[in-house]
């Protein structure tokens, strides 16, 4: 059973994290590798719940079309 952190009009939040200062570059943008790592963790949570056992990431298809600004917001990851 999947127990969401919160639910809103966009769906369930699987993982909510706030980047640290070491995850942010000099322009105030979050490093893409950090975002990808959090996506992998969130995907593993959902996949593990569905599979009811261990899972592994084979590939991630994702394009970022804008910089992820840091500071005021947490990063919410949804399935």
Foldseek 3Di string as FASTA:
>chain_A
DDDAPDQDPVGGFQDKAADDPVQADPVQFGDPVVVVVVQQVSVQVVVCVVVVHGDDDDDDDDDDPDTHGHDDGIDTDDD
